[in-house]
Amino acid sequence: MSVKNKLSPQEQLRIFLEGLKDNVKIAEICRREELWPNEYYRIKEKALSGALEALKNSGKKKDTEKARLKKETERLKDIILSQAEEINLLKKRPTGTIRAHFWL
């Protein structure tokens, strides 16, 4: 780069995407953006490797989210089971003993 300051990631992406167009020459982009050609190719390499990494990691996020949801489901099932057991115990208890506790 000659006079310009460091390019933002958005600007780098814009320049990279513009270079993908069929009718645009890399030399023209570099001249307009005041970039050296090797700087353009460095941006291109970063964009492609970042895209590849994002595609590789997209499945991992889903797997961890799925595992977290599965764990939460099991925890909630345990809570429901313990509450159901407690309700059954209360149903089996004679009503007189419950009332006796209220009068104490």
Protein backbone atom coordinates (compact mmCIF):
# COMPACT_ATOMS: atom_id res chain seq x y z
CA MET A 1 0.00 0.00 0.00
CA SER A 2 1.32 3.39 -0.78
CA VAL A 3 -0.47 6.33 0.86
CA LYS A 4 -3.55 4.69 2.38
CA ASN A 5 -3.76 3.57 5.96
CA LYS A 6 -4.49 -0.03 6.87
CA LEU A 7 -7.66 -1.34 5.21
CA SER A 8 -10.57 -2.44 7.37
CA PRO A 9 -11.79 -6.03 7.06
CA GLN A 10 -14.88 -4.78 5.21
CA GLU A 11 -12.72 -2.93 2.69
CA GLN A 12 -10.50 -5.97 2.23
CA LEU A 13 -13.53 -8.17 1.59
CA ARG A 14 -14.94 -5.66 -0.90
CA ILE A 15 -11.63 -5.57 -2.79
CA PHE A 16 -11.37 -9.36 -2.78
CA LEU A 17 -14.93 -9.83 -4.06
CA GLU A 18 -14.36 -7.26 -6.77
CA GLY A 19 -11.33 -9.25 -7.91
CA LEU A 20 -13.54 -12.32 -8.40
CA LYS A 21 -15.54 -10.62 -11.14
CA ASP A 22 -14.68 -11.80 -14.67
CA ASN A 23 -14.44 -8.44 -16.36
CA VAL A 24 -12.22 -6.72 -13.77
CA LYS A 25 -8.42 -6.89 -13.92
CA ILE A 26 -6.42 -7.20 -10.72
CA ALA A 27 -4.02 -4.51 -11.94
CA GLU A 28 -6.97 -2.10 -12.31
CA ILE A 29 -8.17 -2.82 -8.76
CA CYS A 30 -4.68 -2.35 -7.36
CA ARG A 31 -4.21 0.94 -9.19
CA ARG A 32 -7.59 2.28 -8.06
CA GLU A 33 -7.15 1.13 -4.43
CA GLU A 34 -3.48 2.14 -4.35
CA LEU A 35 -2.37 -1.40 -3.51
CA TRP A 36 0.64 -3.39 -4.58
CA PRO A 37 -0.43 -6.59 -6.39
CA ASN A 38 1.20 -8.74 -3.69
CA GLU A 39 -1.01 -6.96 -1.10
CA TYR A 40 -4.11 -7.90 -3.13
CA TYR A 41 -3.00 -11.54 -3.27
CA ARG A 42 -2.33 -11.53 0.48
CA ILE A 43 -5.91 -10.27 1.03
CA LYS A 44 -7.19 -12.96 -1.34
CA GLU A 45 -5.31 -15.70 0.53
CA LYS A 46 -6.63 -14.48 3.90
CA ALA A 47 -10.21 -14.39 2.60
CA LEU A 48 -10.03 -17.88 1.12
CA SER A 49 -8.40 -19.44 4.18
CA GLY A 50 -10.91 -17.69 6.46
CA ALA A 51 -13.80 -18.96 4.37
CA LEU A 52 -12.41 -22.49 4.43
CA GLU A 53 -11.96 -22.36 8.21
CA ALA A 54 -15.51 -21.07 8.66
CA LEU A 55 -16.88 -23.91 6.55
CA LYS A 56 -14.91 -26.47 8.57
CA ASN A 57 -16.11 -25.10 11.90
CA SER A 58 -19.77 -24.71 10.98
CA GLY A 59 -20.50 -28.35 11.86
CA LYS A 60 -18.70 -28.14 15.21
CA LYS A 61 -20.92 -25.33 16.44
CA LYS A 62 -24.01 -27.36 15.65
CA ASP A 63 -22.59 -30.40 17.42
CA THR A 64 -21.76 -28.50 20.61
CA GLU A 65 -25.15 -26.81 20.60
CA LYS A 66 -26.82 -30.18 20.08
CA ALA A 67 -24.87 -31.70 22.98
CA ARG A 68 -25.75 -28.77 25.24
CA LEU A 69 -29.45 -29.09 24.40
CA LYS A 70 -29.34 -32.83 25.00
CA LYS A 71 -27.79 -32.30 28.43
CA GLU A 72 -30.39 -29.66 29.31
CA THR A 73 -33.20 -32.01 28.19
CA GLU A 74 -31.88 -34.77 30.45
CA ARG A 75 -31.66 -32.36 33.39
CA LEU A 76 -35.27 -31.26 32.87
CA LYS A 77 -36.44 -34.87 32.55
CA ASP A 78 -34.82 -35.65 35.92
CA ILE A 79 -36.63 -32.71 37.51
CA ILE A 80 -39.96 -33.84 36.10
CA LEU A 81 -39.34 -37.41 37.27
CA SER A 82 -38.54 -36.32 40.82
CA GLN A 83 -41.63 -34.09 40.93
CA ALA A 84 -43.81 -36.93 39.64
CA GLU A 85 -42.44 -39.23 42.36
CA GLU A 86 -43.14 -36.59 45.00
CA ILE A 87 -46.71 -36.14 43.73
CA ASN A 88 -47.29 -39.91 43.90
CA LEU A 89 -46.02 -40.00 47.49
CA LEU A 90 -48.35 -37.17 48.44
CA LYS A 91 -51.29 -38.95 46.81
CA LYS A 92 -50.60 -42.13 48.77
CA ARG A 93 -50.33 -40.30 52.10
CA PRO A 94 -53.55 -40.47 54.13
CA THR A 95 -55.40 -37.18 54.12
CA GLY A 96 -55.69 -37.17 57.92
CA THR A 97 -51.94 -36.88 58.39
CA ILE A 98 -51.75 -33.89 56.09
CA ARG A 99 -54.53 -32.13 58.00
CA ALA A 100 -52.87 -32.96 61.29
CA HIS A 101 -49.83 -30.97 60.21
CA PHE A 102 -51.97 -27.94 59.45
CA TRP A 103 -53.47 -27.92 62.95
CA LEU A 104 -50.12 -28.03 64.75
